Amino acid sequence: MTQNALFIDFEYCTGCHSCEIACRNELELPSDGFGIKVLEDKPRQNPDGQWHWDYIAVPTELCDMCVERTAEGKLPACVQSCQAKVLEYGTVEECAAKLAAKGKKAAVFLA
């Protein structure tokens, strides 16, 4: 059986929290429950003088990658709702290849 994963490209996350809301609705979580959480890395200045303010989407232990949705051929709720398209769903191999190509500000999540 093929194992699937989430590829997360942090570079373009806008911090809109759409993934959090979609996940919460899909899993029917309370308002303080998260299957994915958007963390905020406050503004900071790098040694090269550029300023950065990053948002980092992090799946939690409640994330099951929407096993019921994906069994029906649908995308996980967070992936479908991500307006910036920073979340992608695919096989571990596909996500690992994207991570290798990206090199930085990205991660792969396995449920």
PDB file of N, CA and C in Angstrom:
ATOM      1  N   MET A   1       0.829  -1.185   0.000  1.00  0.00           N
ATOM      2  CA  MET A   1       0.000   0.000   0.000  1.00  0.00           C
ATOM      3  C   MET A   1       0.874   1.250   0.000  1.00  0.00           C
ATOM      4  N   THR A   2       0.514   2.208  -0.806  1.00  0.00           N
ATOM      5  CA  THR A   2       1.274   3.447  -0.920  1.00  0.00           C
ATOM      6  C   THR A   2       1.022   4.335   0.289  1.00  0.00           C
ATOM      7  N   GLN A   3       2.110   4.864   0.856  1.00  0.00           N
ATOM      8  CA  GLN A   3       1.959   5.804   1.968  1.00  0.00           C
ATOM      9  C   GLN A   3       1.945   7.217   1.411  1.00  0.00           C
ATOM     10  N   ASN A   4       1.021   8.020   1.898  1.00  0.00           N
ATOM     11  CA  ASN A   4       0.904   9.395   1.441  1.00  0.00           C
ATOM     12  C   ASN A   4       1.429  10.366   2.481  1.00  0.00           C
ATOM     13  N   ALA A   5       1.636  11.600   2.040  1.00  0.00           N
ATOM     14  CA  ALA A   5       2.227  12.622   2.890  1.00  0.00           C
ATOM     15  C   ALA A   5       1.716  14.000   2.480  1.00  0.00           C
ATOM     16  N   LEU A   6       2.025  14.971   3.318  1.00  0.00           N
ATOM     17  CA  LEU A   6       1.768  16.374   2.992  1.00  0.00           C
ATOM     18  C   LEU A   6       3.100  17.057   2.754  1.00  0.00           C
ATOM     19  N   PHE A   7       3.204  17.788   1.663  1.00  0.00           N
ATOM     20  CA  PHE A   7       4.360  18.643   1.403  1.00  0.00           C
ATOM     21  C   PHE A   7       3.933  20.052   1.778  1.00  0.00           C
ATOM     22  N   ILE A   8       4.737  20.723   2.589  1.00  0.00           N
ATOM     23  CA  ILE A   8       4.401  22.064   3.064  1.00  0.00           C
ATOM     24  C   ILE A   8       5.513  23.021   2.656  1.00  0.00           C
ATOM     25  N   ASP A   9       5.165  24.010   1.833  1.00  0.00           N
ATOM     26  CA  ASP A   9       6.113  25.025   1.359  1.00  0.00           C
ATOM     27  C   ASP A   9       5.898  26.289   2.187  1.00  0.00           C
ATOM     28  N   PHE A  10       6.719  26.474   3.220  1.00  0.00           N
ATOM     29  CA  PHE A  10       6.545  27.600   4.138  1.00  0.00           C
ATOM     30  C   PHE A  10       6.819  28.957   3.499  1.00  0.00           C
ATOM     31  N   GLU A  11       7.572  28.968   2.431  1.00  0.00           N
ATOM     32  CA  GLU A  11       7.998  30.245   1.845  1.00  0.00           C
ATOM     33  C   GLU A  11       6.826  31.133   1.439  1.00  0.00           C
ATOM     34  N   TYR A  12       5.735  30.526   0.996  1.00  0.00           N
ATOM     35  CA  TYR A  12       4.632  31.331   0.468  1.00  0.00           C
ATOM     36  C   TYR A  12       3.391  31.344   1.346  1.00  0.00           C
ATOM     37  N   CYS A  13       3.454  30.763   2.544  1.00  0.00           N
ATOM     38  CA  CYS A  13       2.303  30.774   3.450  1.00  0.00           C
ATOM     39  C   CYS A  13       2.019  32.212   3.871  1.00  0.00           C
ATOM     40  N   THR A  14       0.752  32.622   3.719  1.00  0.00           N
ATOM     41  CA  THR A  14       0.351  34.000   4.045  1.00  0.00           C
ATOM     42  C   THR A  14      -0.212  34.131   5.449  1.00  0.00           C
ATOM     43  N   GLY A  15      -0.382  33.024   6.142  1.00  0.00           N
ATOM     44  CA  GLY A  15      -0.925  33.075   7.492  1.00  0.00           C
ATOM     45  C   GLY A  15      -2.421  33.310   7.534  1.00  0.00           C
ATOM     46  N   CYS A  16      -3.146  32.904   6.508  1.00  0.00           N
ATOM     47  CA  CYS A  16      -4.593  33.167   6.431  1.00  0.00           C
ATOM     48  C   CYS A  16      -5.413  32.252   7.339  1.00  0.00           C
ATOM     49  N   HIS A  17      -4.845  31.149   7.781  1.00  0.00           N
ATOM     50  CA  HIS A  17      -5.489  30.186   8.678  1.00  0.00           C
ATOM     51  C   HIS A  17      -6.632  29.399   8.031  1.00  0.00           C
ATOM     52  N   SER A  18      -6.769  29.452   6.712  1.00  0.00           N
ATOM     53  CA  SER A  18      -7.818  28.676   6.028  1.00  0.00           C
ATOM     54  C   SER A  18      -7.663  27.184   6.291  1.00  0.00           C
ATOM     55  N   CYS A  19      -6.434  26.711   6.337  1.00  0.00           N
ATOM     56  CA  CYS A  19      -6.189  25.289   6.584  1.00  0.00           C
ATOM     57  C   CYS A  19      -6.692  24.883   7.964  1.00  0.00           C
ATOM     58  N   GLU A  20      -6.462  25.741   8.961  1.00  0.00           N
ATOM     59  CA  GLU A  20      -6.920  25.452  10.322  1.00  0.00           C
ATOM     60  C   GLU A  20      -8.440  25.318  10.372  1.00  0.00           C
ATOM     61  N   ILE A  21      -9.123  26.263   9.758  1.00  0.00           N
ATOM     62  CA  ILE A  21     -10.585  26.288   9.787  1.00  0.00           C
ATOM     63  C   ILE A  21     -11.161  25.082   9.048  1.00  0.00           C
ATOM     64  N   ALA A  22     -10.620  24.797   7.867  1.00  0.00           N
ATOM     65  CA  ALA A  22     -11.105  23.651   7.090  1.00  0.00           C
ATOM     66  C   ALA A  22     -10.897  22.348   7.852  1.00  0.00           C
ATOM     67  N   CYS A  23      -9.751  22.202   8.467  1.00  0.00           N
ATOM     68  CA  CYS A  23      -9.446  20.995   9.234  1.00  0.00           C
ATOM     69  C   CYS A  23     -10.377  20.881  10.434  1.00  0.00           C
ATOM     70  N   ARG A  24     -10.534  21.972  11.150  1.00  0.00           N
ATOM     71  CA  ARG A  24     -11.403  21.965  12.331  1.00  0.00           C
ATOM     72  C   ARG A  24     -12.827  21.556  11.946  1.00  0.00           C
ATOM     73  N   ASN A  25     -13.314  22.090  10.831  1.00  0.00           N
ATOM     74  CA  ASN A  25     -14.659  21.731  10.372  1.00  0.00           C
ATOM     75  C   ASN A  25     -14.736  20.269   9.946  1.00  0.00           C
ATOM     76  N   GLU A  26     -13.729  19.806   9.227  1.00  0.00           N
ATOM     77  CA  GLU A  26     -13.722  18.419   8.742  1.00  0.00           C
ATOM     78  C   GLU A  26     -13.686  17.417   9.896  1.00  0.00           C
ATOM     79  N   LEU A  27     -12.841  17.685  10.882  1.00  0.00           N
ATOM     80  CA  LEU A  27     -12.695  16.768  12.018  1.00  0.00           C
ATOM     81  C   LEU A  27     -13.683  17.058  13.143  1.00  0.00           C
ATOM     82  N   GLU A  28     -14.499  18.096  12.962  1.00  0.00           N
ATOM     83  CA  GLU A  28     -15.478  18.512  13.970  1.00  0.00           C
ATOM     84  C   GLU A  28     -14.810  18.739  15.324  1.00  0.00           C
ATOM     85  N   LEU A  29     -13.736  19.526  15.303  1.00  0.00           N
ATOM     86  CA  LEU A  29     -12.982  19.829  16.517  1.00  0.00           C
ATOM     87  C   LEU A  29     -13.568  21.055  17.209  1.00  0.00           C
ATOM     88  N   PRO A  30     -13.361  21.173  18.523  1.00  0.00           N
ATOM     89  CA  PRO A  30     -13.784  22.389  19.218  1.00  0.00           C
ATOM     90  C   PRO A  30     -12.927  23.573  18.770  1.00  0.00           C
ATOM     91  N   SER A  31     -13.330  24.768  19.144  1.00  0.00           N
ATOM     92  CA  SER A  31     -12.632  25.969  18.671  1.00  0.00           C
ATOM     93  C   SER A  31     -11.172  26.027  19.108  1.00  0.00           C
ATOM     94  N   ASP A  32     -10.813  25.305  20.157  1.00  0.00           N
ATOM     95  CA  ASP A  32      -9.412  25.296  20.589  1.00  0.00           C
ATOM     96  C   ASP A  32      -8.671  24.033  20.130  1.00  0.00           C
ATOM     97  N   GLY A  33      -9.282  23.264  19.225  1.00  0.00           N
ATOM     98  CA  GLY A  33      -8.652  22.055  18.698  1.00  0.00           C
ATOM     99  C   GLY A  33      -8.058  22.307  17.322  1.00  0.00           C
ATOM    100  N   PHE A  34      -6.924  21.703  17.067  1.00  0.00           N
ATOM    101  CA  PHE A  34      -6.236  21.918  15.796  1.00  0.00           C
ATOM    102  C   PHE A  34      -5.707  20.604  15.238  1.00  0.00           C
ATOM    103  N   GLY A  35      -6.012  20.333  13.978  1.00  0.00           N
ATOM    104  CA  GLY A  35      -5.391  19.234  13.257  1.00  0.00           C
ATOM    105  C   GLY A  35      -4.173  19.745  12.503  1.00  0.00           C
ATOM    106  N   ILE A  36      -4.186  21.055  12.245  1.00  0.00           N
ATOM    107  CA  ILE A  36      -3.043  21.769  11.675  1.00  0.00           C
ATOM    108  C   ILE A  36      -3.060  23.151  12.306  1.00  0.00           C
ATOM    109  N   LYS A  37      -1.904  23.672  12.647  1.00  0.00           N
ATOM    110  CA  LYS A  37      -1.798  24.956  13.337  1.00  0.00           C
ATOM    111  C   LYS A  37      -0.811  25.837  12.587  1.00  0.00           C
ATOM    112  N   VAL A  38      -1.209  27.075  12.326  1.00  0.00           N
ATOM    113  CA  VAL A  38      -0.316  28.031  11.671  1.00  0.00           C
ATOM    114  C   VAL A  38       0.418  28.810  12.756  1.00  0.00           C
ATOM    115  N   LEU A  39       1.725  28.626  12.802  1.00  0.00           N
ATOM    116  CA  LEU A  39       2.570  29.341  13.755  1.00  0.00           C
ATOM    117  C   LEU A  39       3.147  30.572  13.076  1.00  0.00           C
ATOM    118  N   GLU A  40       3.429  31.583  13.874  1.00  0.00           N
ATOM    119  CA  GLU A  40       3.939  32.843  13.339  1.00  0.00           C
ATOM    120  C   GLU A  40       5.356  33.077  13.851  1.00  0.00           C
ATOM    121  N   ASP A  41       6.278  33.266  12.935  1.00  0.00           N
ATOM    122  CA  ASP A  41       7.656  33.600  13.277  1.00  0.00           C
ATOM    123  C   ASP A  41       7.775  35.104  13.099  1.00  0.00           C
ATOM    124  N   LYS A  42       7.785  35.816  14.200  1.00  0.00           N
ATOM    125  CA  LYS A  42       7.730  37.286  14.196  1.00  0.00           C
ATOM    126  C   LYS A  42       8.791  37.904  13.287  1.00  0.00           C
ATOM    127  N   PRO A  43       8.613  39.159  12.942  1.00  0.00           N
ATOM    128  CA  PRO A  43       9.594  39.817  12.064  1.00  0.00           C
ATOM    129  C   PRO A  43      11.001  39.746  12.655  1.00  0.00           C
ATOM    130  N   ARG A  44      11.924  39.448  11.794  1.00  0.00           N
ATOM    131  CA  ARG A  44      13.331  39.405  12.202  1.00  0.00           C
ATOM    132  C   ARG A  44      14.187  39.848  11.025  1.00  0.00           C
ATOM    133  N   GLN A  45      15.330  40.401  11.351  1.00  0.00           N
ATOM    134  CA  GLN A  45      16.234  40.858  10.304  1.00  0.00           C
ATOM    135  C   GLN A  45      17.384  39.866  10.186  1.00  0.00           C
ATOM    136  N   ASN A  46      17.587  39.371   8.989  1.00  0.00           N
ATOM    137  CA  ASN A  46      18.685  38.449   8.726  1.00  0.00           C
ATOM    138  C   ASN A  46      19.997  39.214   8.642  1.00  0.00           C
ATOM    139  N   PRO A  47      21.119  38.508   8.745  1.00  0.00           N
ATOM    140  CA  PRO A  47      22.422  39.167   8.637  1.00  0.00           C
ATOM    141  C   PRO A  47      22.607  39.943   7.327  1.00  0.00           C
ATOM    142  N   ASP A  48      21.892  39.535   6.264  1.00  0.00           N
ATOM    143  CA  ASP A  48      22.016  40.245   4.987  1.00  0.00           C
ATOM    144  C   ASP A  48      21.186  41.530   4.949  1.00  0.00           C
ATOM    145  N   GLY A  49      20.474  41.832   6.060  1.00  0.00           N
ATOM    146  CA  GLY A  49      19.692  43.061   6.137  1.00  0.00           C
ATOM    147  C   GLY A  49      18.233  42.909   5.755  1.00  0.00           C
ATOM    148  N   GLN A  50      17.862  41.787   5.153  1.00  0.00           N
ATOM    149  CA  GLN A  50      16.466  41.580   4.761  1.00  0.00           C
ATOM    150  C   GLN A  50      15.614  41.218   5.978  1.00  0.00           C
ATOM    151  N   TRP A  51      14.387  41.728   5.960  1.00  0.00           N
ATOM    152  CA  TRP A  51      13.431  41.410   7.013  1.00  0.00           C
ATOM    153  C   TRP A  51      12.555  40.239   6.583  1.00  0.00           C
ATOM    154  N   HIS A  52      12.228  39.382   7.541  1.00  0.00           N
ATOM    155  CA  HIS A  52      11.381  38.218   7.269  1.00  0.00           C
ATOM    156  C   HIS A  52      10.293  38.111   8.331  1.00  0.00           C
ATOM    157  N   TRP A  53       9.117  37.722   7.883  1.00  0.00           N
ATOM    158  CA  TRP A  53       7.992  37.444   8.780  1.00  0.00           C
ATOM    159  C   TRP A  53       7.334  36.205   8.207  1.00  0.00           C
ATOM    160  N   ASP A  54       7.573  35.088   8.835  1.00  0.00           N
ATOM    161  CA  ASP A  54       7.134  33.814   8.279  1.00  0.00           C
ATOM    162  C   ASP A  54       5.958  33.217   9.043  1.00  0.00           C
ATOM    163  N   TYR A  55       5.152  32.462   8.303  1.00  0.00           N
ATOM    164  CA  TYR A  55       4.077  31.659   8.867  1.00  0.00           C
ATOM    165  C   TYR A  55       4.395  30.209   8.544  1.00  0.00           C
ATOM    166  N   ILE A  56       4.184  29.344   9.523  1.00  0.00           N
ATOM    167  CA  ILE A  56       4.565  27.950   9.367  1.00  0.00           C
ATOM    168  C   ILE A  56       3.369  27.062   9.725  1.00  0.00           C
ATOM    169  N   ALA A  57       2.820  26.375   8.742  1.00  0.00           N
ATOM    170  CA  ALA A  57       1.703  25.455   8.968  1.00  0.00           C
ATOM    171  C   ALA A  57       2.259  24.126   9.471  1.00  0.00           C
ATOM    172  N   VAL A  58       1.803  23.711  10.650  1.00  0.00           N
ATOM    173  CA  VAL A  58       2.321  22.501  11.285  1.00  0.00           C
ATOM    174  C   VAL A  58       1.166  21.550  11.617  1.00  0.00           C
ATOM    175  N   PRO A  59       1.113  20.380  10.988  1.00  0.00           N
ATOM    176  CA  PRO A  59       0.098  19.388  11.362  1.00  0.00           C
ATOM    177  C   PRO A  59       0.331  18.926  12.805  1.00  0.00           C
ATOM    178  N   THR A  60      -0.746  18.629  13.517  1.00  0.00           N
ATOM    179  CA  THR A  60      -0.646  18.172  14.902  1.00  0.00           C
ATOM    180  C   THR A  60      -0.911  16.669  14.977  1.00  0.00           C
ATOM    181  N   GLU A  61      -0.896  16.156  16.201  1.00  0.00           N
ATOM    182  CA  GLU A  61      -1.162  14.728  16.401  1.00  0.00           C
ATOM    183  C   GLU A  61      -2.593  14.351  16.025  1.00  0.00           C
ATOM    184  N   LEU A  62      -3.482  15.328  15.875  1.00  0.00           N
ATOM    185  CA  LEU A  62      -4.866  15.052  15.475  1.00  0.00           C
ATOM    186  C   LEU A  62      -5.016  14.871  13.964  1.00  0.00           C
ATOM    187  N   CYS A  63      -3.999  15.225  13.206  1.00  0.00           N
ATOM    188  CA  CYS A  63      -4.067  15.127  11.744  1.00  0.00           C
ATOM    189  C   CYS A  63      -4.008  13.665  11.307  1.00  0.00           C
ATOM    190  N   ASP A  64      -5.017  13.254  10.556  1.00  0.00           N
ATOM    191  CA  ASP A  64      -5.010  11.918   9.958  1.00  0.00           C
ATOM    192  C   ASP A  64      -4.978  12.025   8.431  1.00  0.00           C
ATOM    193  N   MET A  65      -4.623  13.202   7.931  1.00  0.00           N
ATOM    194  CA  MET A  65      -4.593  13.522   6.500  1.00  0.00           C
ATOM    195  C   MET A  65      -5.939  13.210   5.848  1.00  0.00           C
ATOM    196  N   CYS A  66      -7.005  13.445   6.626  1.00  0.00           N
ATOM    197  CA  CYS A  66      -8.379  13.281   6.117  1.00  0.00           C
ATOM    198  C   CYS A  66      -8.555  11.926   5.431  1.00  0.00           C
ATOM    199  N   VAL A  67      -8.275  10.881   6.173  1.00  0.00           N
ATOM    200  CA  VAL A  67      -8.311   9.526   5.624  1.00  0.00           C
ATOM    201  C   VAL A  67      -9.645   9.202   4.946  1.00  0.00           C
ATOM    202  N   GLU A  68     -10.746   9.688   5.483  1.00  0.00           N
ATOM    203  CA  GLU A  68     -12.047   9.416   4.859  1.00  0.00           C
ATOM    204  C   GLU A  68     -12.195  10.167   3.536  1.00  0.00           C
ATOM    205  N   ARG A  69     -11.751  11.422   3.500  1.00  0.00           N
ATOM    206  CA  ARG A  69     -11.831  12.214   2.264  1.00  0.00           C
ATOM    207  C   ARG A  69     -10.940  11.610   1.182  1.00  0.00           C
ATOM    208  N   THR A  70      -9.710  11.267   1.553  1.00  0.00           N
ATOM    209  CA  THR A  70      -8.773  10.751   0.550  1.00  0.00           C
ATOM    210  C   THR A  70      -9.203   9.375   0.043  1.00  0.00           C
ATOM    211  N   ALA A  71      -9.894   8.600   0.885  1.00  0.00           N
ATOM    212  CA  ALA A  71     -10.420   7.303   0.440  1.00  0.00           C
ATOM    213  C   ALA A  71     -11.479   7.489  -0.645  1.00  0.00           C
ATOM    214  N   GLU A  72     -12.123   8.655  -0.647  1.00  0.00           N
ATOM    215  CA  GLU A  72     -13.132   8.986  -1.665  1.00  0.00           C
ATOM    216  C   GLU A  72     -12.517   9.683  -2.878  1.00  0.00           C
ATOM    217  N   GLY A  73     -11.188   9.822  -2.880  1.00  0.00           N
ATOM    218  CA  GLY A  73     -10.511  10.474  -3.997  1.00  0.00           C
ATOM    219  C   GLY A  73     -10.422  11.981  -3.875  1.00  0.00           C
ATOM    220  N   LYS A  74     -10.778  12.517  -2.714  1.00  0.00           N
ATOM    221  CA  LYS A  74     -10.709  13.962  -2.478  1.00  0.00           C
ATOM    222  C   LYS A  74      -9.378  14.318  -1.831  1.00  0.00           C
ATOM    223  N   LEU A  75      -9.032  15.584  -1.889  1.00  0.00           N
ATOM    224  CA  LEU A  75      -7.844  16.078  -1.202  1.00  0.00           C
ATOM    225  C   LEU A  75      -8.161  16.292   0.272  1.00  0.00           C
ATOM    226  N   PRO A  76      -7.134  16.259   1.143  1.00  0.00           N
ATOM    227  CA  PRO A  76      -7.373  16.634   2.533  1.00  0.00           C
ATOM    228  C   PRO A  76      -7.956  18.054   2.588  1.00  0.00           C
ATOM    229  N   ALA A  77      -8.768  18.316   3.604  1.00  0.00           N
ATOM    230  CA  ALA A  77      -9.448  19.612   3.715  1.00  0.00           C
ATOM    231  C   ALA A  77      -8.464  20.777   3.725  1.00  0.00           C
ATOM    232  N   CYS A  78      -7.345  20.633   4.410  1.00  0.00           N
ATOM    233  CA  CYS A  78      -6.372  21.730   4.483  1.00  0.00           C
ATOM    234  C   CYS A  78      -5.782  22.032   3.110  1.00  0.00           C
ATOM    235  N   VAL A  79      -5.486  20.993   2.347  1.00  0.00           N
ATOM    236  CA  VAL A  79      -4.906  21.169   1.010  1.00  0.00           C
ATOM    237  C   VAL A  79      -5.911  21.847   0.085  1.00  0.00           C
ATOM    238  N   GLN A  80      -7.145  21.382   0.131  1.00  0.00           N
ATOM    239  CA  GLN A  80      -8.172  21.954  -0.736  1.00  0.00           C
ATOM    240  C   GLN A  80      -8.434  23.422  -0.416  1.00  0.00           C
ATOM    241  N   SER A  81      -8.329  23.806   0.846  1.00  0.00           N
ATOM    242  CA  SER A  81      -8.672  25.175   1.240  1.00  0.00           C
ATOM    243  C   SER A  81      -7.500  26.149   1.188  1.00  0.00           C
ATOM    244  N   CYS A  82      -6.280  25.671   1.012  1.00  0.00           N
ATOM    245  CA  CYS A  82      -5.103  26.548   1.038  1.00  0.00           C
ATOM    246  C   CYS A  82      -5.098  27.478  -0.173  1.00  0.00           C
ATOM    247  N   GLN A  83      -5.330  28.760   0.083  1.00  0.00           N
ATOM    248  CA  GLN A  83      -5.423  29.742  -0.994  1.00  0.00           C
ATOM    249  C   GLN A  83      -4.079  30.008  -1.668  1.00  0.00           C
ATOM    250  N   ALA A  84      -3.003  29.884  -0.905  1.00  0.00           N
ATOM    251  CA  ALA A  84      -1.668  30.134  -1.453  1.00  0.00           C
ATOM    252  C   ALA A  84      -1.054  28.881  -2.078  1.00  0.00           C
ATOM    253  N   LYS A  85      -1.751  27.761  -1.985  1.00  0.00           N
ATOM    254  CA  LYS A  85      -1.297  26.483  -2.552  1.00  0.00           C
ATOM    255  C   LYS A  85       0.056  26.043  -1.995  1.00  0.00           C
ATOM    256  N   VAL A  86       0.258  26.258  -0.695  1.00  0.00           N
ATOM    257  CA  VAL A  86       1.514  25.831  -0.078  1.00  0.00           C
ATOM    258  C   VAL A  86       1.437  24.408   0.465  1.00  0.00           C
ATOM    259  N   LEU A  87       0.226  23.859   0.549  1.00  0.00           N
ATOM    260  CA  LEU A  87       0.035  22.485   1.008  1.00  0.00           C
ATOM    261  C   LEU A  87      -0.276  21.599  -0.188  1.00  0.00           C
ATOM    262  N   GLU A  88       0.452  20.496  -0.303  1.00  0.00           N
ATOM    263  CA  GLU A  88       0.218  19.544  -1.387  1.00  0.00           C
ATOM    264  C   GLU A  88       0.151  18.141  -0.797  1.00  0.00           C
ATOM    265  N   TYR A  89      -0.668  17.299  -1.397  1.00  0.00           N
ATOM    266  CA  TYR A  89      -0.856  15.926  -0.945  1.00  0.00           C
ATOM    267  C   TYR A  89      -0.373  14.986  -2.034  1.00  0.00           C
ATOM    268  N   GLY A  90       0.398  13.986  -1.650  1.00  0.00           N
ATOM    269  CA  GLY A  90       0.886  13.020  -2.628  1.00  0.00           C
ATOM    270  C   GLY A  90       1.565  11.857  -1.942  1.00  0.00           C
ATOM    271  N   THR A  91       2.214  11.033  -2.724  1.00  0.00           N
ATOM    272  CA  THR A  91       2.945   9.907  -2.143  1.00  0.00           C
ATOM    273  C   THR A  91       4.176  10.439  -1.414  1.00  0.00           C
ATOM    274  N   VAL A  92       4.705   9.613  -0.532  1.00  0.00           N
ATOM    275  CA  VAL A  92       5.919   9.997   0.189  1.00  0.00           C
ATOM    276  C   VAL A  92       7.032  10.315  -0.805  1.00  0.00           C
ATOM    277  N   GLU A  93       7.140   9.507  -1.848  1.00  0.00           N
ATOM    278  CA  GLU A  93       8.188   9.705  -2.845  1.00  0.00           C
ATOM    279  C   GLU A  93       8.024  11.047  -3.569  1.00  0.00           C
ATOM    280  N   GLU A  94       6.790  11.376  -3.954  1.00  0.00           N
ATOM    281  CA  GLU A  94       6.537  12.655  -4.632  1.00  0.00           C
ATOM    282  C   GLU A  94       6.870  13.831  -3.717  1.00  0.00           C
ATOM    283  N   CYS A  95       6.435  13.741  -2.468  1.00  0.00           N
ATOM    284  CA  CYS A  95       6.684  14.828  -1.522  1.00  0.00           C
ATOM    285  C   CYS A  95       8.172  14.956  -1.197  1.00  0.00           C
ATOM    286  N   ALA A  96       8.870  13.822  -1.079  1.00  0.00           N
ATOM    287  CA  ALA A  96      10.312  13.850  -0.815  1.00  0.00           C
ATOM    288  C   ALA A  96      11.063  14.491  -1.974  1.00  0.00           C
ATOM    289  N   ALA A  97      10.636  14.219  -3.199  1.00  0.00           N
ATOM    290  CA  ALA A  97      11.273  14.827  -4.374  1.00  0.00           C
ATOM    291  C   ALA A  97      11.056  16.338  -4.381  1.00  0.00           C
ATOM    292  N   LYS A  98       9.859  16.776  -4.025  1.00  0.00           N
ATOM    293  CA  LYS A  98       9.581  18.217  -3.953  1.00  0.00           C
ATOM    294  C   LYS A  98      10.426  18.871  -2.870  1.00  0.00           C
ATOM    295  N   LEU A  99      10.577  18.177  -1.738  1.00  0.00           N
ATOM    296  CA  LEU A  99      11.391  18.700  -0.648  1.00  0.00           C
ATOM    297  C   LEU A  99      12.849  18.827  -1.078  1.00  0.00           C
ATOM    298  N   ALA A 100      13.364  17.821  -1.758  1.00  0.00           N
ATOM    299  CA  ALA A 100      14.750  17.859  -2.231  1.00  0.00           C
ATOM    300  C   ALA A 100      14.957  18.995  -3.225  1.00  0.00           C
ATOM    301  N   ALA A 101      13.982  19.221  -4.087  1.00  0.00           N
ATOM    302  CA  ALA A 101      14.087  20.298  -5.078  1.00  0.00           C
ATOM    303  C   ALA A 101      13.980  21.666  -4.423  1.00  0.00           C
ATOM    304  N   LYS A 102      13.136  21.783  -3.411  1.00  0.00           N
ATOM    305  CA  LYS A 102      12.915  23.064  -2.737  1.00  0.00           C
ATOM    306  C   LYS A 102      14.122  23.430  -1.883  1.00  0.00           C
ATOM    307  N   GLY A 103      14.587  22.502  -1.075  1.00  0.00           N
ATOM    308  CA  GLY A 103      15.792  22.711  -0.294  1.00  0.00           C
ATOM    309  C   GLY A 103      15.630  23.440   1.019  1.00  0.00           C
ATOM    310  N   LYS A 104      14.799  24.472   1.078  1.00  0.00           N
ATOM    311  CA  LYS A 104      14.648  25.220   2.326  1.00  0.00           C
ATOM    312  C   LYS A 104      13.213  25.710   2.454  1.00  0.00           C
ATOM    313  N   LYS A 105      12.851  26.073   3.672  1.00  0.00           N
ATOM    314  CA  LYS A 105      11.507  26.561   3.978  1.00  0.00           C
ATOM    315  C   LYS A 105      10.422  25.610   3.488  1.00  0.00           C
ATOM    316  N   ALA A 106      10.639  24.323   3.731  1.00  0.00           N
ATOM    317  CA  ALA A 106       9.666  23.307   3.334  1.00  0.00           C
ATOM    318  C   ALA A 106       9.810  22.106   4.259  1.00  0.00           C
ATOM    319  N   ALA A 107       8.755  21.288   4.291  1.00  0.00           N
ATOM    320  CA  ALA A 107       8.776  20.079   5.112  1.00  0.00           C
ATOM    321  C   ALA A 107       7.816  19.055   4.529  1.00  0.00           C
ATOM    322  N   VAL A 108       7.992  17.813   4.949  1.00  0.00           N
ATOM    323  CA  VAL A 108       7.086  16.726   4.584  1.00  0.00           C
ATOM    324  C   VAL A 108       6.524  16.162   5.882  1.00  0.00           C
ATOM    325  N   PHE A 109       5.206  15.967   5.917  1.00  0.00           N
ATOM    326  CA  PHE A 109       4.527  15.421   7.092  1.00  0.00           C
ATOM    327  C   PHE A 109       3.950  14.058   6.755  1.00  0.00           C
ATOM    328  N   LEU A 110       4.226  13.087   7.629  1.00  0.00           N
ATOM    329  CA  LEU A 110       3.664  11.742   7.506  1.00  0.00           C
ATOM    330  C   LEU A 110       2.732  11.520   8.689  1.00  0.00           C
ATOM    331  N   ALA A 111       1.522  11.047   8.426  1.00  0.00           N
ATOM    332  CA  ALA A 111       0.577  10.799   9.532  1.00  0.00           C
ATOM    333  C   ALA A 111       0.884   9.474  10.189  1.00  0.00           C
TER     334      ALA A 111
END
